């Protein structure tokens, strides 16, 4: 639930003397969709947040900041079959995402088990995971939770062409860097509160 975004959206709508029905008509959604945004049970994606900001006459960062302030710590996972990659990348993710619960996995099966029990906001996936493809892992994660943001990690740029057809929102060449992670956070389809300066 995201109460801060819900309260911000409702306040801006009321200040502009718009009903939920009128706002829905201006951004091309149904009134129940606006109601879900305002009760905190749903959060619009980045493109819709931009449309809402334009409709309400506010800077998009006003709504993005409100959307970022989720009530719970987001779950972020990193899946790579090499422990040395995890040991180097996990501290970087924790630095950039201080408000998130960051967990690393060397086995895709363990990552999926975790994702079934915990909503994953962001997944960094190696493309080559032994016998399992990170591309297939992405598809399964999105079946579990369509709002999971997926960023691929690889040392091979040629994989990028296959990666875009899987529903991922980003692609990073290894090694993982704080600057690279911050750049990916700007491109998330479903923004969330990071606890840092990433969004």
Protein backbone atom coordinates (compact mmCIF):
# COMPACT_ATOMS: atom_id res chain seq x y z
CA UNK A 1 0.00 0.00 0.00
CA UNK A 2 1.24 3.49 -0.83
CA UNK A 3 -0.59 5.98 1.37
CA UNK A 4 1.64 8.94 0.58
CA UNK A 5 0.99 8.78 -3.17
CA UNK A 6 -2.72 8.15 -2.54
CA UNK A 7 -3.04 11.19 -0.28
CA UNK A 8 -1.00 13.39 -2.62
CA UNK A 9 -3.08 12.45 -5.67
CA UNK A 10 -6.37 12.97 -3.83
CA UNK A 11 -5.25 16.35 -2.47
CA UNK A 12 -4.16 17.58 -5.92
CA UNK A 13 -7.39 16.36 -7.52
CA UNK A 14 -9.59 18.03 -4.89
CA UNK A 15 -7.58 21.28 -5.09
CA UNK A 16 -8.35 21.38 -8.82
CA UNK A 17 -12.02 20.61 -8.16
CA UNK A 18 -12.01 17.47 -10.23
CA UNK A 19 -14.09 14.41 -9.45
CA UNK A 20 -12.52 10.96 -9.76
CA UNK A 21 -14.66 10.52 -12.89
CA UNK A 22 -13.33 13.74 -14.43
CA UNK A 23 -9.71 12.90 -13.67
CA UNK A 24 -10.20 9.40 -15.08
CA UNK A 25 -11.59 10.87 -18.30
CA UNK A 26 -8.63 13.21 -18.72
CA UNK A 27 -6.00 10.48 -18.35
CA UNK A 28 -8.02 7.79 -20.18
CA UNK A 29 -8.64 5.30 -17.38
CA UNK A 30 -11.78 4.23 -15.50
CA UNK A 31 -13.04 5.85 -12.30
CA UNK A 32 -12.37 2.64 -10.29
CA UNK A 33 -8.73 2.86 -11.38
CA UNK A 34 -8.45 6.36 -9.92
CA UNK A 35 -10.22 5.13 -6.78
CA UNK A 36 -7.63 2.35 -6.38
CA UNK A 37 -4.80 4.89 -6.74
CA UNK A 38 -6.43 7.06 -4.10
CA UNK A 39 -7.01 4.25 -1.61
CA UNK A 40 -3.39 3.14 -1.98
CA UNK A 41 -4.11 -0.35 -3.30
CA UNK A 42 -2.57 0.37 -6.70
CA UNK A 43 0.23 2.56 -8.02
CA UNK A 44 0.33 3.84 -11.61
CA UNK A 45 3.42 3.21 -13.73
CA UNK A 46 5.92 5.96 -14.60
CA UNK A 47 4.23 6.85 -17.91
CA UNK A 48 0.84 7.27 -16.20
CA UNK A 49 2.40 9.28 -13.36
CA UNK A 50 3.78 11.66 -16.01
CA UNK A 51 0.31 11.93 -17.59
CA UNK A 52 -1.30 12.61 -14.20
CA UNK A 53 1.26 15.31 -13.41
CA UNK A 54 0.54 17.05 -16.71
CA UNK A 55 -3.21 16.84 -16.16
CA UNK A 56 -2.94 18.17 -12.60
CA UNK A 57 -0.47 20.90 -13.55
CA UNK A 58 2.34 19.82 -11.24
CA UNK A 59 5.98 18.89 -11.74
CA UNK A 60 6.24 15.16 -12.44
CA UNK A 61 8.78 14.85 -9.60
CA UNK A 62 6.04 15.77 -7.12
CA UNK A 63 4.15 12.60 -7.96
CA UNK A 64 7.25 10.47 -8.55
CA UNK A 65 8.54 11.40 -5.09
CA UNK A 66 5.19 10.52 -3.55
CA UNK A 67 5.17 7.20 -5.41
CA UNK A 68 8.69 6.52 -4.23
CA UNK A 69 7.71 6.75 -0.56
CA UNK A 70 6.25 3.29 -0.21
CA UNK A 71 5.07 2.11 3.21
CA UNK A 72 7.28 -0.99 3.17
CA UNK A 73 10.88 -1.76 2.32
CA UNK A 74 11.03 -2.94 -1.29
CA UNK A 75 12.60 -6.32 -2.00
CA UNK A 76 15.54 -6.28 -4.42
CA UNK A 77 17.23 -9.46 -5.60
CA UNK A 78 20.45 -10.17 -7.46
CA UNK A 79 20.81 -13.54 -9.18
CA UNK A 80 24.23 -14.60 -10.43
CA UNK A 81 25.76 -18.07 -10.32
CA UNK A 82 29.18 -16.67 -9.38
CA UNK A 83 29.63 -15.87 -5.70
CA UNK A 84 32.39 -13.39 -6.47
CA UNK A 85 29.92 -11.28 -8.46
CA UNK A 86 27.44 -11.34 -5.58
CA UNK A 87 30.08 -10.38 -3.03
CA UNK A 88 31.12 -7.39 -5.14
CA UNK A 89 27.66 -6.23 -6.26
CA UNK A 90 25.54 -6.65 -3.11
CA UNK A 91 27.32 -3.88 -1.12
CA UNK A 92 26.87 -1.54 -4.09
CA UNK A 93 23.13 -2.27 -4.26
CA UNK A 94 22.81 -1.73 -0.50
CA UNK A 95 24.63 1.60 -0.81
CA UNK A 96 22.42 2.86 -3.65
CA UNK A 97 19.21 1.33 -2.22
CA UNK A 98 19.53 1.85 1.55
CA UNK A 99 15.78 1.53 2.09
CA UNK A 100 15.52 -1.81 0.30
CA UNK A 101 15.90 -5.39 1.49
CA UNK A 102 18.63 -6.65 -0.84
CA UNK A 103 19.13 -10.43 -1.21
CA UNK A 104 21.52 -12.37 -3.44
CA UNK A 105 21.03 -15.82 -4.97
CA UNK A 106 23.34 -18.15 -6.87
CA UNK A 107 20.52 -20.55 -7.75
CA UNK A 108 17.55 -19.42 -9.88
CA UNK A 109 15.27 -21.92 -8.10
CA UNK A 110 15.95 -20.22 -4.75
CA UNK A 111 15.28 -16.81 -6.29
CA UNK A 112 11.92 -18.03 -7.61
CA UNK A 113 11.01 -19.52 -4.24
CA UNK A 114 11.80 -16.16 -2.63
CA UNK A 115 9.79 -14.27 -5.28
CA UNK A 116 6.74 -16.45 -4.67
CA UNK A 117 6.84 -15.60 -0.97
CA UNK A 118 7.87 -11.92 -1.24
CA UNK A 119 6.89 -9.23 -3.74
CA UNK A 120 10.08 -8.37 -5.64
CA UNK A 121 10.31 -4.72 -6.72
CA UNK A 122 13.57 -5.07 -8.64
CA UNK A 123 15.57 -8.06 -9.90
CA UNK A 124 19.08 -7.90 -11.29
CA UNK A 125 19.63 -11.07 -13.32
CA UNK A 126 22.71 -12.53 -14.91
CA UNK A 127 21.79 -13.83 -18.36
CA UNK A 128 23.94 -16.97 -18.16
CA UNK A 129 22.99 -18.91 -15.01
CA UNK A 130 24.49 -22.33 -15.66
CA UNK A 131 21.78 -24.51 -17.21
CA UNK A 132 19.12 -21.84 -16.70
CA UNK A 133 18.77 -18.75 -18.85
CA UNK A 134 18.27 -15.41 -17.14
CA UNK A 135 15.84 -14.59 -19.97
CA UNK A 136 13.60 -17.49 -18.89
CA UNK A 137 13.99 -16.50 -15.24
CA UNK A 138 12.79 -13.00 -16.13
CA UNK A 139 9.66 -14.35 -17.78
CA UNK A 140 8.85 -16.50 -14.75
CA UNK A 141 9.42 -13.62 -12.32
CA UNK A 142 7.02 -11.46 -14.34
CA UNK A 143 4.43 -14.25 -14.31
CA UNK A 144 4.70 -14.28 -10.50
CA UNK A 145 4.56 -10.48 -10.23
CA UNK A 146 4.07 -8.32 -13.36
CA UNK A 147 5.23 -5.24 -11.40
CA UNK A 148 8.75 -6.61 -10.89
CA UNK A 149 11.35 -4.44 -12.60
CA UNK A 150 14.02 -6.61 -14.22
CA UNK A 151 17.51 -5.44 -15.15
CA UNK A 152 19.87 -7.84 -16.90
CA UNK A 153 23.54 -8.08 -16.00
CA UNK A 154 26.03 -9.54 -18.44
CA UNK A 155 29.55 -9.20 -19.75
CA UNK A 156 28.33 -9.73 -23.33
CA UNK A 157 26.68 -6.83 -25.13
CA UNK A 158 25.32 -9.12 -27.89
CA UNK A 159 22.74 -10.49 -25.43
CA UNK A 160 20.97 -7.14 -25.33
CA UNK A 161 18.98 -7.91 -28.49
CA UNK A 162 17.39 -11.01 -26.96
CA UNK A 163 16.89 -9.32 -23.60
CA UNK A 164 14.45 -6.64 -24.77
CA UNK A 165 11.84 -9.19 -25.84
CA UNK A 166 11.34 -10.55 -22.32
CA UNK A 167 9.68 -7.65 -20.50
CA UNK A 168 12.83 -6.39 -18.81
CA UNK A 169 13.28 -2.65 -18.33
CA UNK A 170 17.07 -2.41 -18.28
CA UNK A 171 20.40 -3.87 -19.29
CA UNK A 172 23.77 -3.37 -17.57
CA UNK A 173 27.21 -4.53 -18.54
CA UNK A 174 29.30 -5.97 -15.72
CA UNK A 175 30.87 -5.04 -13.40
CA UNK A 176 28.06 -3.53 -11.33
CA UNK A 177 28.74 0.09 -10.37
CA UNK A 178 26.80 2.54 -8.20
CA UNK A 179 26.54 4.95 -11.14
CA UNK A 180 25.22 2.18 -13.39
CA UNK A 181 22.58 1.16 -10.85
CA UNK A 182 21.44 4.78 -10.41
CA UNK A 183 21.04 5.10 -14.17
CA UNK A 184 18.88 1.96 -14.26
CA UNK A 185 16.67 3.28 -11.44
CA UNK A 186 15.70 6.22 -13.65
CA UNK A 187 14.27 3.81 -16.22
CA UNK A 188 12.11 1.58 -14.03
CA UNK A 189 8.63 0.82 -15.36
CA UNK A 190 7.30 0.65 -11.82
CA UNK A 191 9.11 3.21 -9.62
CA UNK A 192 9.47 2.51 -5.91
CA UNK A 193 11.05 4.09 -2.87
CA UNK A 194 14.76 3.31 -2.74
CA UNK A 195 15.67 5.13 0.47
CA UNK A 196 18.49 6.83 -1.40
CA UNK A 197 19.03 9.26 -4.24
CA UNK A 198 18.21 6.83 -7.02
CA UNK A 199 14.64 7.94 -7.73
